[in-house]
Amino acid sequence: MSSPLGMRGDLNSRYWKSNIHASPNTRIVKAELTRIAEEVYGKYRELPRDFDGHVLVGKGASGSSTSKIDKFAEDAILAFLDDQEIKLNVLSEEAGFIDRGGNRTLVVDPIDGTLNCTKGIPFFSVSLAIGKEKLSDCDFGLVKNLFTGDSYFARRGGGAELNGHRISVSKYNRDNSIIIMFDGVDAHEDAQRVKLLASRVRTMGCASLEMCLVAQGAVQAHYMNCTNFNRMIRVIDIAASCLILREAGGEVCDLEGNKLDMAFDLKDRKNFLAYGDPKLKELVLRG
């Protein structure tokens, strides 16, 4: 039996010609994204404790190594879309772009924070966004923490929420601030200067959830300045969380200060600053 989206023309012309911000349509899309995320969450929790998710099984379409847990989660999503007859194209880390006859694309990171997941670090997610061809035209986004079960959701023009409760960014105060940032051997030297703008610094290894922490006001910024192109961010990593942050009152820019946009293309990689308070943008990028 087809999903509610399928019953309403899936994400084909009849659905998208309607008012995308009308609450009935929003409820349908939110429910479907939630069901997809719950499918991954449920199947992940059913895995045996000795599941060897860290084992590499090849290379994904993005060029990154594919682990067994990545493939497991992506297969669960694709099977669910087929079973529920949800007519969305797919852009995913492992499979790349799949034309499924839709006029919108589901941008997927089946497991964001794979290393955390395989090392037992409880900070990894499934990230889902719906858009047409680039970051700036994403209309819906959902990020689910696959350890805690917490879910972030946003629709364009409709605000952002965590577990059904509205969230918003926080103001920057040097003496009570946390900045999440990319660190390690490929971090740009400017990272040392940026560290001094915060009272605490964290590196957590899951871009979608890190950006969502900015959206909920728990931290004030997420800064990525990497010298290795192959480790820079991809659209699949942040398509959902970027919308969530923007709907929570924050913004994401490149390191030249321009509003970040990225094509639905796995070859496109960027550095960025995600922030809640424009004052912090000025301080981070002034150097």
Protein backbone atom coordinates (compact mmCIF):
# COMPACT_ATOMS: atom_id res chain seq x y z
CA MET A 1 0.00 0.00 0.00
CA SER A 2 1.35 3.42 -0.86
CA SER A 3 2.23 6.03 1.74
CA PRO A 4 0.14 9.14 2.42
CA LEU A 5 2.48 11.00 0.09
CA GLY A 6 1.75 8.42 -2.58
CA MET A 7 -1.98 8.76 -2.02
CA ARG A 8 -1.70 12.51 -2.61
CA GLY A 9 0.33 12.23 -5.78
CA ASP A 10 3.59 11.55 -3.93
CA LEU A 11 5.84 14.54 -4.44
CA ASN A 12 4.67 14.97 -8.01
CA SER A 13 2.96 17.94 -9.62
CA ARG A 14 -0.40 17.83 -7.84
CA TYR A 15 1.26 17.88 -4.42
CA TRP A 16 3.86 20.53 -5.16
CA LYS A 17 1.44 22.84 -6.96
CA SER A 18 -0.48 23.06 -3.70
CA ASN A 19 0.53 25.45 -0.94
CA ILE A 20 3.71 23.89 0.38
CA HIS A 21 3.46 25.77 3.66
CA ALA A 22 -0.13 24.73 4.38
CA SER A 23 -0.26 22.76 7.62
CA PRO A 24 -1.93 19.59 6.22
CA ASN A 25 0.86 19.16 3.67
CA THR A 26 3.51 19.89 6.25
CA ARG A 27 2.09 17.23 8.53
CA ILE A 28 2.17 14.69 5.70
CA VAL A 29 5.80 15.38 4.81
CA LYS A 30 6.90 15.50 8.45
CA ALA A 31 5.16 12.19 9.07
CA GLU A 32 6.84 10.56 6.08
CA LEU A 33 10.32 11.84 6.96
CA THR A 34 9.75 10.68 10.52
CA ARG A 35 8.75 7.22 9.31
CA ILE A 36 11.89 6.97 7.15
CA ALA A 37 14.09 8.02 10.07
CA GLU A 38 12.28 5.65 12.41
CA GLU A 39 12.89 2.82 9.96
CA VAL A 40 16.64 3.38 10.24
CA TYR A 41 16.45 3.93 14.01
CA GLY A 42 14.45 0.75 14.56
CA LYS A 43 16.61 -1.44 12.37
CA TYR A 44 19.78 -0.03 13.94
CA ARG A 45 18.55 -0.86 17.43
CA GLU A 46 17.77 -4.42 16.34
CA LEU A 47 21.34 -5.08 15.24
CA PRO A 48 23.25 -7.67 17.28
CA ARG A 49 25.93 -6.33 19.59
CA ASP A 50 28.62 -8.07 17.56
CA PHE A 51 27.54 -6.48 14.25
CA ASP A 52 30.78 -5.54 12.49
CA GLY A 53 29.60 -2.18 11.21
CA HIS A 54 33.15 -0.83 10.91
CA VAL A 55 34.09 -3.28 8.13
CA LEU A 56 34.64 -1.50 4.82
CA VAL A 57 32.62 -2.86 1.91
CA GLY A 58 33.77 -0.54 -0.87
CA LYS A 59 33.66 3.11 -1.87
CA GLY A 60 30.54 5.23 -2.13
CA ALA A 61 29.57 7.56 -4.95
CA SER A 62 31.11 10.46 -3.02
CA GLY A 63 34.51 8.74 -3.08
CA SER A 64 34.49 8.09 0.66
CA SER A 65 34.93 4.59 2.04
CA THR A 66 31.68 2.76 2.67
CA SER A 67 31.37 0.83 5.90
CA LYS A 68 28.96 -2.00 6.54
CA ILE A 69 26.80 0.19 8.80
CA ASP A 70 26.54 2.90 6.10
CA LYS A 71 25.35 0.36 3.54
CA PHE A 72 22.96 -1.19 6.04
CA ALA A 73 21.26 2.15 6.78
CA GLU A 74 21.10 3.23 3.13
CA ASP A 75 19.59 -0.10 2.09
CA ALA A 76 16.95 0.27 4.80
CA ILE A 77 15.95 3.70 3.46
CA LEU A 78 15.82 2.64 -0.19
CA ALA A 79 13.80 -0.47 0.63
CA PHE A 80 11.34 1.63 2.66
CA LEU A 81 10.89 4.14 -0.18
CA ASP A 82 10.18 1.30 -2.59
CA ASP A 83 7.83 -0.50 -0.24
CA GLN A 84 5.84 2.65 0.55
CA GLU A 85 5.90 3.86 -3.07
CA ILE A 86 7.29 7.26 -2.13
CA LYS A 87 8.16 8.95 -5.41
CA LEU A 88 11.25 10.89 -4.52
CA ASN A 89 14.58 10.83 -6.30
CA VAL A 90 17.48 10.11 -3.93
CA LEU A 91 20.93 11.60 -3.45
CA SER A 92 22.85 9.50 -0.95
CA GLU A 93 26.42 9.13 0.18
CA GLU A 94 26.86 5.57 -1.01
CA ALA A 95 24.52 5.14 -4.00
CA GLY A 96 24.84 8.65 -5.40
CA PHE A 97 21.89 10.05 -7.37
CA ILE A 98 19.00 7.67 -8.09
CA ASP A 99 16.28 8.83 -10.47
CA ARG A 100 13.08 7.33 -9.08
CA GLY A 101 10.72 9.35 -11.24
CA GLY A 102 10.12 12.18 -8.80
CA ASN A 103 10.38 15.93 -9.26
CA ARG A 104 12.01 16.44 -5.86
CA THR A 105 15.04 14.77 -4.31
CA LEU A 106 15.52 13.23 -0.89
CA VAL A 107 19.05 14.19 0.19
CA VAL A 108 20.25 11.48 2.53
CA ASP A 109 23.15 10.81 4.82
CA PRO A 110 22.17 7.35 6.12
CA ILE A 111 24.71 7.51 8.94
CA ASP A 112 26.29 10.88 9.66
CA GLY A 113 29.08 10.34 12.13
CA THR A 114 30.01 6.85 10.99
CA LEU A 115 33.23 6.77 13.00
CA ASN A 116 31.35 7.71 16.17
CA CYS A 117 28.82 4.97 15.42
CA THR A 118 31.42 2.24 14.90
CA LYS A 119 33.52 3.34 17.90
CA GLY A 120 30.59 3.40 20.32
CA ILE A 121 30.51 7.19 20.65
CA PRO A 122 26.83 8.13 21.13
CA PHE A 123 26.65 10.99 18.64
CA PHE A 124 25.54 10.01 15.13
CA SER A 125 22.43 10.53 13.04
CA VAL A 126 20.37 9.97 9.94
CA SER A 127 19.89 13.17 7.95
CA LEU A 128 17.03 13.70 5.46
CA ALA A 129 16.13 16.76 3.39
CA ILE A 130 13.76 17.36 0.49
CA GLY A 131 14.66 19.81 -2.24
CA LYS A 132 15.01 20.24 -5.97
CA GLU A 133 18.61 20.91 -6.95
CA LYS A 134 20.51 22.87 -4.30
CA LEU A 135 20.80 23.58 -0.60
CA SER A 136 18.85 26.84 -0.78
CA ASP A 137 15.72 25.26 -2.24
CA CYS A 138 15.32 22.56 0.42
CA ASP A 139 11.80 22.78 1.81
CA PHE A 140 11.91 20.19 4.60
CA GLY A 141 14.64 18.72 6.77
CA LEU A 142 14.81 16.13 9.54
CA VAL A 143 17.80 14.96 11.57
CA LYS A 144 17.40 12.09 14.01
CA ASN A 145 19.98 11.22 16.65
CA LEU A 146 20.25 7.45 16.28
CA PHE A 147 21.45 6.97 19.85
CA THR A 148 19.06 9.17 21.85
CA GLY A 149 16.14 9.13 19.41
CA ASP A 150 15.86 12.95 19.46
CA SER A 151 14.49 14.45 16.23
CA TYR A 152 15.00 17.91 14.74
CA PHE A 153 12.63 19.09 12.02
CA ALA A 154 12.12 22.23 9.94
CA ARG A 155 10.09 23.41 6.99
CA ARG A 156 11.06 26.44 4.97
CA GLY A 157 9.23 29.44 6.37
CA GLY A 158 7.77 27.45 9.25
CA GLY A 159 10.39 27.42 11.99
CA ALA A 160 12.42 24.62 13.56
CA GLU A 161 11.73 22.19 16.35
CA LEU A 162 13.28 19.54 18.55
CA ASN A 163 10.94 16.70 19.51
CA GLY A 164 7.97 18.89 18.60
CA HIS A 165 9.09 21.95 20.59
CA ARG A 166 10.22 25.18 18.92
CA ILE A 167 13.93 25.96 19.10
CA SER A 168 15.99 29.07 18.44
CA VAL A 169 19.60 30.15 18.44
CA SER A 170 21.32 31.91 21.33
CA LYS A 171 23.31 35.12 21.71
CA TYR A 172 27.09 35.11 21.86
CA ASN A 173 28.84 35.92 25.11
CA ARG A 174 32.60 35.33 25.21
CA ASP A 175 32.57 34.23 28.85
CA ASN A 176 29.78 31.68 28.43
CA SER A 177 30.17 30.37 24.90
CA ILE A 178 30.87 27.08 23.17
CA ILE A 179 32.15 26.77 19.63
CA ILE A 180 32.16 23.44 17.84
CA MET A 181 34.93 23.23 15.29
CA PHE A 182 36.80 20.94 12.96
CA ASP A 183 40.18 20.11 14.47
CA GLY A 184 43.10 17.78 13.87
CA VAL A 185 45.88 17.42 11.33
CA ASP A 186 43.94 19.06 8.47
CA ALA A 187 42.65 22.04 10.44
CA HIS A 188 43.62 25.45 9.07
CA GLU A 189 45.90 27.55 11.27
CA ASP A 190 43.07 30.10 11.70
CA ALA A 191 41.35 27.54 13.93
CA GLN A 192 43.73 28.46 16.74
CA ARG A 193 42.59 32.09 16.59
CA VAL A 194 38.92 31.13 16.52
CA LYS A 195 39.36 28.96 19.61
CA LEU A 196 40.19 32.07 21.59
CA LEU A 197 36.71 33.49 20.89
CA ALA A 198 35.06 30.85 23.07
CA SER A 199 35.22 29.82 26.69
CA ARG A 200 34.92 26.17 25.58
CA VAL A 201 35.61 24.32 22.31
CA ARG A 202 34.22 20.97 21.22
CA THR A 203 34.85 18.63 18.26
CA MET A 204 32.07 16.04 18.02
CA GLY A 205 32.32 14.36 14.61
CA CYS A 206 28.77 14.57 13.28
CA ALA A 207 28.11 17.73 11.24
CA SER A 208 24.32 17.38 11.10
CA LEU A 209 23.92 17.12 14.87
CA GLU A 210 26.61 19.71 15.54
CA MET A 211 24.74 22.24 13.41
CA CYS A 212 21.50 21.31 15.15
CA LEU A 213 23.13 22.14 18.49
CA VAL A 214 23.67 25.66 17.15
CA ALA A 215 20.01 25.74 16.11
CA GLN A 216 18.80 24.87 19.59
CA GLY A 217 21.09 27.44 21.22
CA ALA A 218 23.20 24.89 23.09
CA VAL A 219 26.34 26.13 21.34
CA GLN A 220 26.98 29.39 19.53
CA ALA A 221 28.77 28.28 16.36
CA HIS A 222 30.06 25.41 14.27
CA TYR A 223 33.24 26.31 12.38
CA MET A 224 34.87 24.19 9.70
CA ASN A 225 38.11 25.35 8.12
CA CYS A 226 39.84 22.32 6.64
CA THR A 227 42.88 22.31 4.37
CA ASN A 228 42.07 18.90 2.87
CA PHE A 229 39.38 19.21 0.18
CA ASN A 230 38.34 15.57 0.59
CA ARG A 231 37.40 16.18 4.23
CA MET A 232 35.35 19.33 3.65
CA ILE A 233 31.58 19.21 4.08
CA ARG A 234 29.22 17.78 1.45
CA VAL A 235 25.62 18.74 0.81
CA ILE A 236 24.38 15.37 2.08
CA ASP A 237 25.94 16.10 5.47
CA ILE A 238 24.16 19.39 6.10
CA ALA A 239 21.16 19.74 3.76
CA ALA A 240 18.71 19.09 6.60
CA SER A 241 20.59 20.77 9.44
CA CYS A 242 21.28 23.90 7.40
CA LEU A 243 17.53 24.40 6.92
CA ILE A 244 16.92 23.64 10.60
CA LEU A 245 19.48 26.24 11.67
CA ARG A 246 18.16 28.90 9.31
CA GLU A 247 14.61 28.31 10.49
CA ALA A 248 15.83 28.62 14.09
CA GLY A 249 17.15 32.13 13.36
CA GLY A 250 20.74 31.30 12.50
CA GLU A 251 22.74 31.28 9.30
CA VAL A 252 25.43 29.33 7.46
CA CYS A 253 28.03 31.10 5.34
CA ASP A 254 31.21 30.21 3.50
CA LEU A 255 34.49 31.54 4.85
CA GLU A 256 34.23 34.61 2.61
CA GLY A 257 31.05 35.54 4.44
CA ASN A 258 28.60 34.64 1.67
CA LYS A 259 25.42 32.72 2.40
CA LEU A 260 26.30 29.07 1.86
CA ASP A 261 24.69 27.29 -1.06
CA MET A 262 25.65 23.93 -2.54
CA ALA A 263 24.41 21.99 -5.54
CA PHE A 264 23.00 18.49 -5.10
CA ASP A 265 26.37 17.18 -6.22
CA LEU A 266 28.60 14.88 -4.19
CA LYS A 267 31.69 16.45 -5.75
CA ASP A 268 30.90 19.85 -4.22
CA ARG A 269 32.67 20.37 -0.88
CA LYS A 270 32.94 23.49 1.24
CA ASN A 271 34.24 24.98 4.46
CA PHE A 272 31.70 26.97 6.45
CA LEU A 273 30.64 28.84 9.54
CA ALA A 274 27.25 28.08 11.12
CA TYR A 275 26.24 30.65 13.74
CA GLY A 276 23.37 32.09 15.69
CA ASP A 277 24.60 35.58 16.49
CA PRO A 278 25.88 37.79 13.60
CA LYS A 279 28.35 39.32 16.06
CA LEU A 280 30.21 36.02 16.11
CA LYS A 281 30.37 35.91 12.33
CA GLU A 282 32.15 39.26 12.34
CA LEU A 283 34.66 38.05 14.93
CA VAL A 284 35.39 34.72 13.25
CA LEU A 285 35.78 36.01 9.69
CA ARG A 286 37.51 39.31 10.31
CA GLY A 287 40.99 37.72 10.20
